[in-house]
Amino acid sequence: MLHTPLMSGTNAIHGIVIVGAILIAGAADDTFSKVVGFVAVVLAAANVVGGFVVTDRMLQMFRRREPRREPNDD
């Protein structure tokens, strides 16, 4: 139960990191800085998406399971 609020906070922080990386990559003058900025955007985006996936899987653990239906022999 503690994991979900922590991941939500982490995703919000990394959303800010993505915005900062985009600003830095856009303001870069040389190729190296643009490449590093692009890599930062990709890694931060992967971290946010991964956080949402893990949070979704954690929340699925608390959902009720539907009872299994027996196949009909009709």
PDB file of N, CA and C in Angstrom:
ATOM      1  N   MET A   1       0.816  -1.196   0.000  1.00  0.00           N
ATOM      2  CA  MET A   1       0.000   0.000   0.000  1.00  0.00           C
ATOM      3  C   MET A   1       0.862   1.264   0.000  1.00  0.00           C
ATOM      4  N   LEU A   2       2.025   1.173   0.574  1.00  0.00           N
ATOM      5  CA  LEU A   2       2.907   2.330   0.631  1.00  0.00           C
ATOM      6  C   LEU A   2       3.550   2.609  -0.724  1.00  0.00           C
ATOM      7  N   HIS A   3       3.685   1.583  -1.537  1.00  0.00           N
ATOM      8  CA  HIS A   3       4.400   1.718  -2.806  1.00  0.00           C
ATOM      9  C   HIS A   3       3.689   2.676  -3.760  1.00  0.00           C
ATOM     10  N   THR A   4       2.365   2.623  -3.841  1.00  0.00           N
ATOM     11  CA  THR A   4       1.628   3.417  -4.823  1.00  0.00           C
ATOM     12  C   THR A   4       1.809   4.922  -4.624  1.00  0.00           C
ATOM     13  N   PRO A   5       1.646   5.462  -3.415  1.00  0.00           N
ATOM     14  CA  PRO A   5       1.879   6.914  -3.268  1.00  0.00           C
ATOM     15  C   PRO A   5       3.328   7.312  -3.541  1.00  0.00           C
ATOM     16  N   LEU A   6       4.263   6.455  -3.188  1.00  0.00           N
ATOM     17  CA  LEU A   6       5.661   6.774  -3.456  1.00  0.00           C
ATOM     18  C   LEU A   6       5.940   6.816  -4.949  1.00  0.00           C
ATOM     19  N   MET A   7       5.379   5.878  -5.705  1.00  0.00           N
ATOM     20  CA  MET A   7       5.596   5.878  -7.151  1.00  0.00           C
ATOM     21  C   MET A   7       4.916   7.069  -7.801  1.00  0.00           C
ATOM     22  N   SER A   8       3.766   7.479  -7.286  1.00  0.00           N
ATOM     23  CA  SER A   8       3.100   8.660  -7.844  1.00  0.00           C
ATOM     24  C   SER A   8       3.970   9.895  -7.659  1.00  0.00           C
ATOM     25  N   GLY A   9       4.572  10.020  -6.486  1.00  0.00           N
ATOM     26  CA  GLY A   9       5.477  11.139  -6.242  1.00  0.00           C
ATOM     27  C   GLY A   9       6.704  11.080  -7.124  1.00  0.00           C
ATOM     28  N   THR A  10       7.239   9.889  -7.304  1.00  0.00           N
ATOM     29  CA  THR A  10       8.413   9.715  -8.162  1.00  0.00           C
ATOM     30  C   THR A  10       8.081  10.047  -9.609  1.00  0.00           C
ATOM     31  N   ASN A  11       6.905   9.637 -10.073  1.00  0.00           N
ATOM     32  CA  ASN A  11       6.504   9.960 -11.444  1.00  0.00           C
ATOM     33  C   ASN A  11       6.346  11.467 -11.630  1.00  0.00           C
ATOM     34  N   ALA A  12       5.831  12.150 -10.624  1.00  0.00           N
ATOM     35  CA  ALA A  12       5.703  13.612 -10.728  1.00  0.00           C
ATOM     36  C   ALA A  12       7.069  14.269 -10.805  1.00  0.00           C
ATOM     37  N   ILE A  13       8.012  13.790 -10.005  1.00  0.00           N
ATOM     38  CA  ILE A  13       9.370  14.343 -10.034  1.00  0.00           C
ATOM     39  C   ILE A  13      10.013  14.107 -11.396  1.00  0.00           C
ATOM     40  N   HIS A  14       9.839  12.913 -11.941  1.00  0.00           N
ATOM     41  CA  HIS A  14      10.449  12.634 -13.233  1.00  0.00           C
ATOM     42  C   HIS A  14       9.739  13.360 -14.366  1.00  0.00           C
ATOM     43  N   GLY A  15       8.486  13.706 -14.179  1.00  0.00           N
ATOM     44  CA  GLY A  15       7.824  14.571 -15.155  1.00  0.00           C
ATOM     45  C   GLY A  15       8.507  15.926 -15.218  1.00  0.00           C
ATOM     46  N   ILE A  16       8.914  16.431 -14.063  1.00  0.00           N
ATOM     47  CA  ILE A  16       9.650  17.692 -14.024  1.00  0.00           C
ATOM     48  C   ILE A  16      11.030  17.514 -14.656  1.00  0.00           C
ATOM     49  N   VAL A  17      11.650  16.360 -14.436  1.00  0.00           N
ATOM     50  CA  VAL A  17      12.955  16.075 -15.041  1.00  0.00           C
ATOM     51  C   VAL A  17      12.845  16.059 -16.564  1.00  0.00           C
ATOM     52  N   ILE A  18      11.751  15.491 -17.081  1.00  0.00           N
ATOM     53  CA  ILE A  18      11.553  15.468 -18.542  1.00  0.00           C
ATOM     54  C   ILE A  18      11.462  16.895 -19.080  1.00  0.00           C
ATOM     55  N   VAL A  19      10.703  17.742 -18.419  1.00  0.00           N
ATOM     56  CA  VAL A  19      10.565  19.136 -18.872  1.00  0.00           C
ATOM     57  C   VAL A  19      11.926  19.836 -18.847  1.00  0.00           C
ATOM     58  N   GLY A  20      12.684  19.627 -17.781  1.00  0.00           N
ATOM     59  CA  GLY A  20      14.018  20.233 -17.704  1.00  0.00           C
ATOM     60  C   GLY A  20      14.945  19.717 -18.788  1.00  0.00           C
ATOM     61  N   ALA A  21      14.879  18.412 -19.056  1.00  0.00           N
ATOM     62  CA  ALA A  21      15.738  17.838 -20.102  1.00  0.00           C
ATOM     63  C   ALA A  21      15.364  18.374 -21.479  1.00  0.00           C
ATOM     64  N   ILE A  22      14.087  18.559 -21.703  1.00  0.00           N
ATOM     65  CA  ILE A  22      13.647  19.127 -22.988  1.00  0.00           C
ATOM     66  C   ILE A  22      14.143  20.566 -23.129  1.00  0.00           C
ATOM     67  N   LEU A  23      14.048  21.337 -22.053  1.00  0.00           N
ATOM     68  CA  LEU A  23      14.530  22.722 -22.109  1.00  0.00           C
ATOM     69  C   LEU A  23      16.034  22.781 -22.356  1.00  0.00           C
ATOM     70  N   ILE A  24      16.787  21.925 -21.685  1.00  0.00           N
ATOM     71  CA  ILE A  24      18.241  21.911 -21.865  1.00  0.00           C
ATOM     72  C   ILE A  24      18.604  21.452 -23.272  1.00  0.00           C
ATOM     73  N   ALA A  25      17.919  20.402 -23.760  1.00  0.00           N
ATOM     74  CA  ALA A  25      18.217  19.906 -25.106  1.00  0.00           C
ATOM     75  C   ALA A  25      17.862  20.954 -26.160  1.00  0.00           C
ATOM     76  N   GLY A  26      16.792  21.696 -25.937  1.00  0.00           N
ATOM     77  CA  GLY A  26      16.397  22.730 -26.897  1.00  0.00           C
ATOM     78  C   GLY A  26      17.341  23.918 -26.905  1.00  0.00           C
ATOM     79  N   ALA A  27      17.965  24.208 -25.773  1.00  0.00           N
ATOM     80  CA  ALA A  27      18.861  25.357 -25.684  1.00  0.00           C
ATOM     81  C   ALA A  27      20.306  25.000 -26.023  1.00  0.00           C
ATOM     82  N   ALA A  28      20.573  23.723 -26.293  1.00  0.00           N
ATOM     83  CA  ALA A  28      21.948  23.286 -26.560  1.00  0.00           C
ATOM     84  C   ALA A  28      22.446  23.840 -27.894  1.00  0.00           C
ATOM     85  N   ASP A  29      23.741  24.192 -27.904  1.00  0.00           N
ATOM     86  CA  ASP A  29      24.343  24.739 -29.124  1.00  0.00           C
ATOM     87  C   ASP A  29      25.132  23.695 -29.896  1.00  0.00           C
ATOM     88  N   ASP A  30      25.817  22.801 -29.177  1.00  0.00           N
ATOM     89  CA  ASP A  30      26.642  21.815 -29.871  1.00  0.00           C
ATOM     90  C   ASP A  30      25.941  20.455 -29.914  1.00  0.00           C
ATOM     91  N   THR A  31      26.453  19.590 -30.770  1.00  0.00           N
ATOM     92  CA  THR A  31      25.844  18.284 -30.998  1.00  0.00           C
ATOM     93  C   THR A  31      25.902  17.399 -29.763  1.00  0.00           C
ATOM     94  N   PHE A  32      27.011  17.438 -29.041  1.00  0.00           N
ATOM     95  CA  PHE A  32      27.157  16.595 -27.852  1.00  0.00           C
ATOM     96  C   PHE A  32      26.082  16.922 -26.815  1.00  0.00           C
ATOM     97  N   SER A  33      25.843  18.181 -26.582  1.00  0.00           N
ATOM     98  CA  SER A  33      24.823  18.590 -25.611  1.00  0.00           C
ATOM     99  C   SER A  33      23.424  18.176 -26.058  1.00  0.00           C
ATOM    100  N   LYS A  34      23.155  18.261 -27.355  1.00  0.00           N
ATOM    101  CA  LYS A  34      21.859  17.823 -27.868  1.00  0.00           C
ATOM    102  C   LYS A  34      21.670  16.326 -27.691  1.00  0.00           C
ATOM    103  N   VAL A  35      22.724  15.551 -27.941  1.00  0.00           N
ATOM    104  CA  VAL A  35      22.640  14.097 -27.784  1.00  0.00           C
ATOM    105  C   VAL A  35      22.427  13.736 -26.316  1.00  0.00           C
ATOM    106  N   VAL A  36      23.177  14.368 -25.437  1.00  0.00           N
ATOM    107  CA  VAL A  36      23.026  14.094 -23.999  1.00  0.00           C
ATOM    108  C   VAL A  36      21.631  14.504 -23.529  1.00  0.00           C
ATOM    109  N   GLY A  37      21.120  15.633 -23.991  1.00  0.00           N
ATOM    110  CA  GLY A  37      19.767  16.064 -23.642  1.00  0.00           C
ATOM    111  C   GLY A  37      18.716  15.093 -24.144  1.00  0.00           C
ATOM    112  N   PHE A  38      18.890  14.596 -25.366  1.00  0.00           N
ATOM    113  CA  PHE A  38      17.945  13.629 -25.922  1.00  0.00           C
ATOM    114  C   PHE A  38      17.961  12.333 -25.124  1.00  0.00           C
ATOM    115  N   VAL A  39      19.150  11.869 -24.756  1.00  0.00           N
ATOM    116  CA  VAL A  39      19.262  10.651 -23.944  1.00  0.00           C
ATOM    117  C   VAL A  39      18.594  10.864 -22.581  1.00  0.00           C
ATOM    118  N   ALA A  40      18.754  12.044 -22.009  1.00  0.00           N
ATOM    119  CA  ALA A  40      18.115  12.347 -20.725  1.00  0.00           C
ATOM    120  C   ALA A  40      16.591  12.319 -20.848  1.00  0.00           C
ATOM    121  N   VAL A  41      16.068  12.850 -21.938  1.00  0.00           N
ATOM    122  CA  VAL A  41      14.619  12.825 -22.156  1.00  0.00           C
ATOM    123  C   VAL A  41      14.130  11.384 -22.293  1.00  0.00           C
ATOM    124  N   VAL A  42      14.838  10.581 -23.069  1.00  0.00           N
ATOM    125  CA  VAL A  42      14.422   9.185 -23.279  1.00  0.00           C
ATOM    126  C   VAL A  42      14.466   8.396 -21.974  1.00  0.00           C
ATOM    127  N   LEU A  43      15.535   8.530 -21.210  1.00  0.00           N
ATOM    128  CA  LEU A  43      15.646   7.783 -19.957  1.00  0.00           C
ATOM    129  C   LEU A  43      14.606   8.231 -18.931  1.00  0.00           C
ATOM    130  N   ALA A  44      14.359   9.524 -18.830  1.00  0.00           N
ATOM    131  CA  ALA A  44      13.349  10.009 -17.889  1.00  0.00           C
ATOM    132  C   ALA A  44      11.954   9.543 -18.309  1.00  0.00           C
ATOM    133  N   ALA A  45      11.670   9.552 -19.611  1.00  0.00           N
ATOM    134  CA  ALA A  45      10.369   9.067 -20.089  1.00  0.00           C
ATOM    135  C   ALA A  45      10.207   7.579 -19.810  1.00  0.00           C
ATOM    136  N   ALA A  46      11.268   6.799 -20.012  1.00  0.00           N
ATOM    137  CA  ALA A  46      11.198   5.366 -19.714  1.00  0.00           C
ATOM    138  C   ALA A  46      10.964   5.125 -18.230  1.00  0.00           C
ATOM    139  N   ASN A  47      11.551   5.960 -17.388  1.00  0.00           N
ATOM    140  CA  ASN A  47      11.361   5.829 -15.951  1.00  0.00           C
ATOM    141  C   ASN A  47       9.924   6.156 -15.554  1.00  0.00           C
ATOM    142  N   VAL A  48       9.334   7.172 -16.147  1.00  0.00           N
ATOM    143  CA  VAL A  48       7.945   7.526 -15.840  1.00  0.00           C
ATOM    144  C   VAL A  48       7.009   6.413 -16.292  1.00  0.00           C
ATOM    145  N   VAL A  49       7.188   5.933 -17.512  1.00  0.00           N
ATOM    146  CA  VAL A  49       6.328   4.855 -18.021  1.00  0.00           C
ATOM    147  C   VAL A  49       6.485   3.603 -17.170  1.00  0.00           C
ATOM    148  N   GLY A  50       7.707   3.261 -16.825  1.00  0.00           N
ATOM    149  CA  GLY A  50       7.934   2.101 -15.967  1.00  0.00           C
ATOM    150  C   GLY A  50       7.285   2.263 -14.609  1.00  0.00           C
ATOM    151  N   GLY A  51       7.302   3.458 -14.063  1.00  0.00           N
ATOM    152  CA  GLY A  51       6.646   3.716 -12.789  1.00  0.00           C
ATOM    153  C   GLY A  51       5.146   3.515 -12.863  1.00  0.00           C
ATOM    154  N   PHE A  52       4.537   3.970 -13.971  1.00  0.00           N
ATOM    155  CA  PHE A  52       3.106   3.757 -14.128  1.00  0.00           C
ATOM    156  C   PHE A  52       2.777   2.284 -14.306  1.00  0.00           C
ATOM    157  N   VAL A  53       3.604   1.556 -15.024  1.00  0.00           N
ATOM    158  CA  VAL A  53       3.374   0.115 -15.220  1.00  0.00           C
ATOM    159  C   VAL A  53       3.460  -0.622 -13.889  1.00  0.00           C
ATOM    160  N   VAL A  54       4.481  -0.321 -13.105  1.00  0.00           N
ATOM    161  CA  VAL A  54       4.641  -0.988 -11.810  1.00  0.00           C
ATOM    162  C   VAL A  54       3.487  -0.625 -10.881  1.00  0.00           C
ATOM    163  N   THR A  55       3.084   0.636 -10.869  1.00  0.00           N
ATOM    164  CA  THR A  55       1.968   1.054 -10.026  1.00  0.00           C
ATOM    165  C   THR A  55       0.685   0.349 -10.433  1.00  0.00           C
ATOM    166  N   ASP A  56       0.443   0.235 -11.738  1.00  0.00           N
ATOM    167  CA  ASP A  56      -0.746  -0.467 -12.215  1.00  0.00           C
ATOM    168  C   ASP A  56      -0.737  -1.931 -11.795  1.00  0.00           C
ATOM    169  N   ARG A  57       0.405  -2.576 -11.893  1.00  0.00           N
ATOM    170  CA  ARG A  57       0.502  -3.974 -11.468  1.00  0.00           C
ATOM    171  C   ARG A  57       0.286  -4.124  -9.975  1.00  0.00           C
ATOM    172  N   MET A  58       0.786  -3.165  -9.196  1.00  0.00           N
ATOM    173  CA  MET A  58       0.564  -3.213  -7.749  1.00  0.00           C
ATOM    174  C   MET A  58      -0.926  -3.054  -7.436  1.00  0.00           C
ATOM    175  N   LEU A  59      -1.609  -2.155  -8.130  1.00  0.00           N
ATOM    176  CA  LEU A  59      -3.028  -1.953  -7.883  1.00  0.00           C
ATOM    177  C   LEU A  59      -3.859  -3.151  -8.309  1.00  0.00           C
ATOM    178  N   GLN A  60      -3.421  -3.884  -9.325  1.00  0.00           N
ATOM    179  CA  GLN A  60      -4.139  -5.088  -9.752  1.00  0.00           C
ATOM    180  C   GLN A  60      -4.129  -6.161  -8.679  1.00  0.00           C
ATOM    181  N   MET A  61      -3.149  -6.141  -7.818  1.00  0.00           N
ATOM    182  CA  MET A  61      -3.090  -7.134  -6.748  1.00  0.00           C
ATOM    183  C   MET A  61      -4.257  -6.972  -5.775  1.00  0.00           C
ATOM    184  N   PHE A  62      -4.817  -5.781  -5.672  1.00  0.00           N
ATOM    185  CA  PHE A  62      -5.874  -5.518  -4.709  1.00  0.00           C
ATOM    186  C   PHE A  62      -7.268  -5.597  -5.316  1.00  0.00           C
ATOM    187  N   ARG A  63      -7.369  -5.900  -6.604  1.00  0.00           N
ATOM    188  CA  ARG A  63      -8.681  -6.045  -7.232  1.00  0.00           C
ATOM    189  C   ARG A  63      -9.232  -7.430  -6.953  1.00  0.00           C
ATOM    190  N   ARG A  64     -10.553  -7.520  -6.897  1.00  0.00           N
ATOM    191  CA  ARG A  64     -11.179  -8.820  -6.697  1.00  0.00           C
ATOM    192  C   ARG A  64     -11.084  -9.634  -7.974  1.00  0.00           C
ATOM    193  N   ARG A  65     -10.820 -10.888  -7.786  1.00  0.00           N
ATOM    194  CA  ARG A  65     -10.759 -11.782  -8.940  1.00  0.00           C
ATOM    195  C   ARG A  65     -12.150 -12.341  -9.213  1.00  0.00           C
ATOM    196  N   GLU A  66     -12.464 -12.443 -10.479  1.00  0.00           N
ATOM    197  CA  GLU A  66     -13.741 -13.032 -10.838  1.00  0.00           C
ATOM    198  C   GLU A  66     -13.647 -14.544 -10.697  1.00  0.00           C
ATOM    199  N   PRO A  67     -14.717 -15.180 -10.210  1.00  0.00           N
ATOM    200  CA  PRO A  67     -14.658 -16.642 -10.080  1.00  0.00           C
ATOM    201  C   PRO A  67     -14.551 -17.308 -11.440  1.00  0.00           C
ATOM    202  N   ARG A  68     -13.831 -18.404 -11.469  1.00  0.00           N
ATOM    203  CA  ARG A  68     -13.651 -19.129 -12.723  1.00  0.00           C
ATOM    204  C   ARG A  68     -14.938 -19.825 -13.100  1.00  0.00           C
ATOM    205  N   ARG A  69     -15.283 -19.765 -14.348  1.00  0.00           N
ATOM    206  CA  ARG A  69     -16.487 -20.435 -14.843  1.00  0.00           C
ATOM    207  C   ARG A  69     -16.118 -21.825 -15.345  1.00  0.00           C
ATOM    208  N   GLU A  70     -16.968 -22.753 -15.037  1.00  0.00           N
ATOM    209  CA  GLU A  70     -16.771 -24.117 -15.531  1.00  0.00           C
ATOM    210  C   GLU A  70     -17.304 -24.207 -16.943  1.00  0.00           C
ATOM    211  N   PRO A  71     -16.603 -24.907 -17.821  1.00  0.00           N
ATOM    212  CA  PRO A  71     -17.111 -25.049 -19.200  1.00  0.00           C
ATOM    213  C   PRO A  71     -18.367 -25.916 -19.207  1.00  0.00           C
ATOM    214  N   ASN A  72     -19.314 -25.535 -20.053  1.00  0.00           N
ATOM    215  CA  ASN A  72     -20.554 -26.302 -20.177  1.00  0.00           C
ATOM    216  C   ASN A  72     -20.344 -27.495 -21.088  1.00  0.00           C
ATOM    217  N   ASP A  73     -20.951 -28.603 -20.729  1.00  0.00           N
ATOM    218  CA  ASP A  73     -20.833 -29.828 -21.550  1.00  0.00           C
ATOM    219  C   ASP A  73     -22.039 -29.992 -22.455  1.00  0.00           C
ATOM    220  N   ASP A  74     -22.612 -28.890 -22.933  1.00  0.00           N
ATOM    221  CA  ASP A  74     -23.820 -28.973 -23.779  1.00  0.00           C
ATOM    222  C   ASP A  74     -23.510 -29.477 -25.145  1.00  0.00           C
TER     223      ASP A  74
END
